[in-house]
Amino acid sequence: VQLQASGGGLVQAGGSLRLSCAASGSDFSINLMGWYRQAPGKQRELVAIITSGGSPNYAGSVKGRFTISRDNAKNTVSLQMNSLKPEDTAVYYCYADPWVGNDAWGQGTQLTVSS
């Protein structure tokens, strides 16, 4: 599975941004899709993940502000981020766990939230 993410950028605190990720290269459907992030000097952490059935799970720090969604027919996952905070600044990585095969990671997209 190959993942192509897009949508990062620079936004002011309180603003909104949407990340998108498209999966390709697999004949098998994908179980989990989601987003992780890594801030400078910190470990990569889960932001949000969603099952093939549409059940989401969020990190406590983003719950109520971020919304994850996916389109199984198109093998895409999106992350709508609202009420952004400077502490959301990080490189965001798309993630996919196919039913068959290895986990996959996208190339990372930078989000910078200015105060």
Protein backbone atom coordinates (compact mmCIF):
# COMPACT_ATOMS: atom_id res chain seq x y z
CA VAL A 1 0.00 0.00 0.00
CA GLN A 2 1.24 3.47 -0.87
CA LEU A 3 -0.14 6.53 0.87
CA GLN A 4 -0.18 10.07 -0.48
CA ALA A 5 -1.08 12.79 1.99
CA SER A 6 -1.90 16.40 1.30
CA GLY A 7 -3.31 19.47 2.97
CA GLY A 8 -0.74 20.63 5.48
CA GLY A 9 0.32 24.23 5.83
CA LEU A 10 0.46 27.29 8.03
CA VAL A 11 -2.63 28.43 9.93
CA GLN A 12 -3.33 30.79 12.77
CA ALA A 13 -4.48 29.53 16.14
CA GLY A 14 -8.21 29.01 16.15
CA GLY A 15 -8.24 28.26 12.45
CA SER A 16 -9.13 25.13 10.53
CA LEU A 17 -7.41 22.84 8.07
CA ARG A 18 -8.21 19.56 6.38
CA LEU A 19 -5.74 16.77 5.70
CA SER A 20 -6.41 14.12 3.09
CA CYS A 21 -4.73 10.85 2.28
CA ALA A 22 -5.23 8.44 -0.59
CA ALA A 23 -4.16 4.81 -0.54
CA SER A 24 -3.18 2.88 -3.64
CA GLY A 25 -1.33 -0.21 -4.75
CA SER A 26 -3.22 -2.92 -2.96
CA ASP A 27 -5.85 -5.37 -4.08
CA PHE A 28 -6.96 -5.85 -0.50
CA SER A 29 -9.23 -3.64 1.52
CA ILE A 30 -7.90 -1.67 4.44
CA ASN A 31 -8.81 -2.33 8.04
CA LEU A 32 -7.63 0.76 9.89
CA MET A 33 -6.77 4.17 8.49
CA GLY A 34 -5.68 7.14 10.45
CA TRP A 35 -3.30 9.90 11.35
CA TYR A 36 -0.30 10.16 13.62
CA ARG A 37 1.82 13.20 14.32
CA GLN A 38 5.31 13.94 15.48
CA ALA A 39 6.37 17.25 16.95
CA PRO A 40 10.04 18.25 17.16
CA GLY A 41 11.77 16.39 19.95
CA LYS A 42 8.77 14.21 20.66
CA GLN A 43 7.68 10.69 19.82
CA ARG A 44 5.16 9.97 17.12
CA GLU A 45 1.69 9.82 18.61
CA LEU A 46 -1.74 8.73 17.50
CA VAL A 47 -4.08 11.55 16.52
CA ALA A 48 -7.09 9.69 15.20
CA ILE A 49 -7.89 6.35 13.66
CA ILE A 50 -10.98 4.90 12.04
CA THR A 51 -12.05 1.34 11.32
CA SER A 52 -13.38 0.09 8.02
CA GLY A 53 -16.81 0.19 9.63
CA GLY A 54 -16.44 3.88 10.37
CA SER A 55 -15.76 3.78 14.11
CA PRO A 56 -13.33 6.54 15.10
CA ASN A 57 -10.96 6.83 17.99
CA TYR A 58 -9.25 10.07 18.99
CA ALA A 59 -6.41 11.18 21.15
CA GLY A 60 -7.71 13.05 24.15
CA SER A 61 -5.91 16.21 23.10
CA VAL A 62 -7.87 16.49 19.84
CA LYS A 63 -11.24 15.07 20.81
CA GLY A 64 -13.99 17.52 20.03
CA ARG A 65 -11.79 19.52 17.67
CA PHE A 66 -10.74 16.99 15.03
CA THR A 67 -12.96 14.74 12.95
CA ILE A 68 -11.71 11.75 11.00
CA SER A 69 -13.60 10.27 8.08
CA ARG A 70 -12.96 7.79 5.32
CA ASP A 71 -14.29 6.68 1.98
CA ASN A 72 -13.81 2.95 1.62
CA ALA A 73 -14.69 2.94 -2.06
CA LYS A 74 -11.93 5.44 -2.79
CA ASN A 75 -9.51 4.27 -0.07
CA THR A 76 -9.18 7.75 1.30
CA VAL A 77 -9.07 9.13 4.81
CA SER A 78 -9.44 12.76 5.86
CA LEU A 79 -8.87 14.71 9.04
CA GLN A 80 -10.83 17.90 9.60
CA MET A 81 -9.02 19.97 12.18
CA ASN A 82 -10.81 22.86 13.87
CA SER A 83 -9.89 25.20 16.70
CA LEU A 84 -6.23 24.58 16.02
CA LYS A 85 -3.70 25.31 18.72
CA PRO A 86 0.05 25.96 18.51
CA GLU A 87 0.61 22.61 20.24
CA ASP A 88 -0.95 20.91 17.21
CA THR A 89 2.13 21.90 15.24
CA ALA A 90 3.76 18.73 13.97
CA VAL A 91 4.40 16.58 10.96
CA TYR A 92 1.25 14.56 10.33
CA TYR A 93 1.54 11.05 8.94
CA CYS A 94 -1.18 9.09 7.25
CA TYR A 95 -1.39 5.44 8.32
CA ALA A 96 -3.06 2.36 6.88
CA ASP A 97 -3.35 -1.17 8.18
CA PRO A 98 -4.55 -3.42 5.37
CA TRP A 99 -6.28 -6.71 6.09
CA VAL A 100 -3.44 -8.43 4.22
CA GLY A 101 0.12 -7.18 4.11
CA ASN A 102 2.21 -4.72 6.06
CA ASP A 103 1.23 -1.44 7.64
CA ALA A 104 1.90 1.61 5.51
CA TRP A 105 2.88 5.19 6.27
CA GLY A 106 2.57 8.32 4.19
CA GLN A 107 5.42 10.73 3.62
CA GLY A 108 4.29 13.23 6.25
CA THR A 109 2.82 16.68 5.84
CA GLN A 110 3.75 19.66 7.98
CA LEU A 111 1.17 21.57 9.98
CA THR A 112 2.27 24.77 11.66
CA VAL A 113 -0.12 26.67 13.90
CA SER A 114 0.97 30.19 14.76
CA SER A 115 -0.10 31.90 17.96
